């Protein structure tokens, strides 16, 4: 994976969208909206097993805010029926204007894409 914004998960971990998803449809869950509890519900089962929702919300609430992001690449694969993807995301931090690019791992669970890193 590429560079991760200091101190936290990617914006897609806070905003887990499937490859090619139209983010305008989920405005209330976007990182800028601060709906970290809603974003937690869209993480994969493995992420839920390693971090309680309260910890996720506390950690994400303390991170530098993201002013914008752009999905710059998508890769989807199917290996013996297990569908996974990687999304390349470029983010801009609101306060500093710093730009970061990283790959975000996704898995398809019960028909829905989930961030799982």
Protein backbone atom coordinates (compact mmCIF):
# COMPACT_ATOMS: atom_id res chain seq x y z
CA UNK A 1 0.00 0.00 0.00
CA UNK A 2 1.02 3.58 -0.51
CA UNK A 3 1.23 6.34 2.06
CA UNK A 4 -1.33 6.41 4.83
CA UNK A 5 -2.38 9.71 6.41
CA UNK A 6 -0.58 10.06 9.76
CA UNK A 7 -2.36 8.62 12.75
CA UNK A 8 -5.27 6.81 11.23
CA UNK A 9 -7.23 4.77 8.81
CA UNK A 10 -7.87 5.86 5.29
CA UNK A 11 -10.88 8.01 4.44
CA UNK A 12 -12.39 4.91 2.90
CA UNK A 13 -12.12 3.14 6.22
CA UNK A 14 -14.31 5.93 7.47
CA UNK A 15 -16.19 5.89 4.17
CA UNK A 16 -16.14 2.37 2.75
CA UNK A 17 -17.50 2.50 -0.79
CA UNK A 18 -17.41 -0.25 -3.37
CA UNK A 19 -15.39 0.24 -6.53
CA UNK A 20 -17.18 2.61 -8.88
CA UNK A 21 -19.82 3.58 -6.30
CA UNK A 22 -21.44 6.99 -6.68
CA UNK A 23 -20.53 8.63 -3.36
CA UNK A 24 -23.21 11.31 -3.76
CA UNK A 25 -25.79 8.65 -2.86
CA UNK A 26 -24.35 8.32 0.67
CA UNK A 27 -23.62 11.93 1.63
CA UNK A 28 -24.56 11.44 5.29
CA UNK A 29 -21.90 8.77 5.76
CA UNK A 30 -19.03 10.67 4.16
CA UNK A 31 -16.03 11.42 6.41
CA UNK A 32 -16.74 15.14 6.15
CA UNK A 33 -20.13 14.46 7.76
CA UNK A 34 -18.48 12.86 10.81
CA UNK A 35 -20.75 9.81 10.80
CA UNK A 36 -18.08 7.45 12.13
CA UNK A 37 -20.59 5.15 13.82
CA UNK A 38 -22.29 4.66 10.46
CA UNK A 39 -18.94 4.10 8.77
CA UNK A 40 -18.03 1.48 11.40
CA UNK A 41 -21.11 -0.51 10.40
CA UNK A 42 -19.74 -0.70 6.87
CA UNK A 43 -16.36 -2.21 7.84
CA UNK A 44 -15.66 -5.92 7.33
CA UNK A 45 -16.26 -8.54 10.00
CA UNK A 46 -12.50 -8.90 10.65
CA UNK A 47 -12.26 -5.15 11.41
CA UNK A 48 -15.20 -5.46 13.82
CA UNK A 49 -13.44 -8.36 15.55
CA UNK A 50 -10.31 -6.30 16.17
CA UNK A 51 -11.81 -2.94 17.20
CA UNK A 52 -14.99 -2.09 19.13
CA UNK A 53 -17.18 0.65 17.66
CA UNK A 54 -16.51 3.02 20.56
CA UNK A 55 -12.74 2.85 19.95
CA UNK A 56 -13.19 3.34 16.19
CA UNK A 57 -15.37 6.43 16.68
CA UNK A 58 -13.00 7.91 19.29
CA UNK A 59 -9.92 7.36 17.11
CA UNK A 60 -11.50 8.61 13.88
CA UNK A 61 -12.99 11.67 15.61
CA UNK A 62 -9.49 12.70 16.73
CA UNK A 63 -7.93 12.49 13.23
CA UNK A 64 -7.21 15.43 10.98
CA UNK A 65 -10.27 15.96 8.82
CA UNK A 66 -10.25 15.16 5.12
CA UNK A 67 -11.44 18.01 2.91
CA UNK A 68 -11.62 15.95 -0.27
CA UNK A 69 -10.66 12.66 -1.82
CA UNK A 70 -10.61 11.13 -5.26
CA UNK A 71 -10.68 7.48 -6.25
CA UNK A 72 -7.84 7.21 -8.76
CA UNK A 73 -7.80 3.47 -9.43
CA UNK A 74 -9.79 0.29 -8.90
CA UNK A 75 -8.81 -3.38 -9.07
CA UNK A 76 -11.28 -6.23 -8.45
CA UNK A 77 -10.44 -9.93 -8.36
CA UNK A 78 -12.26 -13.18 -7.78
CA UNK A 79 -10.21 -16.04 -6.36
CA UNK A 80 -12.24 -19.24 -5.90
CA UNK A 81 -15.39 -17.23 -5.21
CA UNK A 82 -13.82 -14.77 -2.76
CA UNK A 83 -14.25 -11.32 -4.30
CA UNK A 84 -11.78 -8.65 -3.20
CA UNK A 85 -10.74 -5.26 -4.43
CA UNK A 86 -8.23 -2.52 -3.95
CA UNK A 87 -9.10 1.12 -4.43
CA UNK A 88 -6.41 3.78 -4.85
CA UNK A 89 -7.47 6.97 -3.09
CA UNK A 90 -5.88 10.42 -3.08
CA UNK A 91 -6.90 12.48 -0.05
CA UNK A 92 -6.37 16.09 0.99
CA UNK A 93 -6.22 17.01 4.67
CA UNK A 94 -8.41 20.00 5.50
CA UNK A 95 -6.06 21.90 7.83
CA UNK A 96 -2.68 21.21 6.24
CA UNK A 97 -3.60 20.73 2.59
CA UNK A 98 -1.27 17.72 2.58
CA UNK A 99 -2.00 15.09 -0.08
CA UNK A 100 -1.74 11.37 0.54
CA UNK A 101 -2.30 8.41 -1.77
CA UNK A 102 -2.96 4.91 -0.53
CA UNK A 103 -4.50 1.61 -1.50
CA UNK A 104 -7.55 0.49 0.45
CA UNK A 105 -8.40 -3.20 0.69
CA UNK A 106 -12.03 -4.19 0.18
CA UNK A 107 -13.84 -7.52 0.51
CA UNK A 108 -17.31 -8.47 -0.59
CA UNK A 109 -19.29 -9.85 2.37
CA UNK A 110 -22.92 -10.92 1.98
CA UNK A 111 -23.12 -9.01 -1.31
CA UNK A 112 -21.81 -5.71 0.12
CA UNK A 113 -18.36 -4.15 -0.28
CA UNK A 114 -16.57 -3.60 3.07
CA UNK A 115 -13.28 -1.91 3.91
CA UNK A 116 -11.01 -4.53 5.45
CA UNK A 117 -7.49 -3.46 6.30
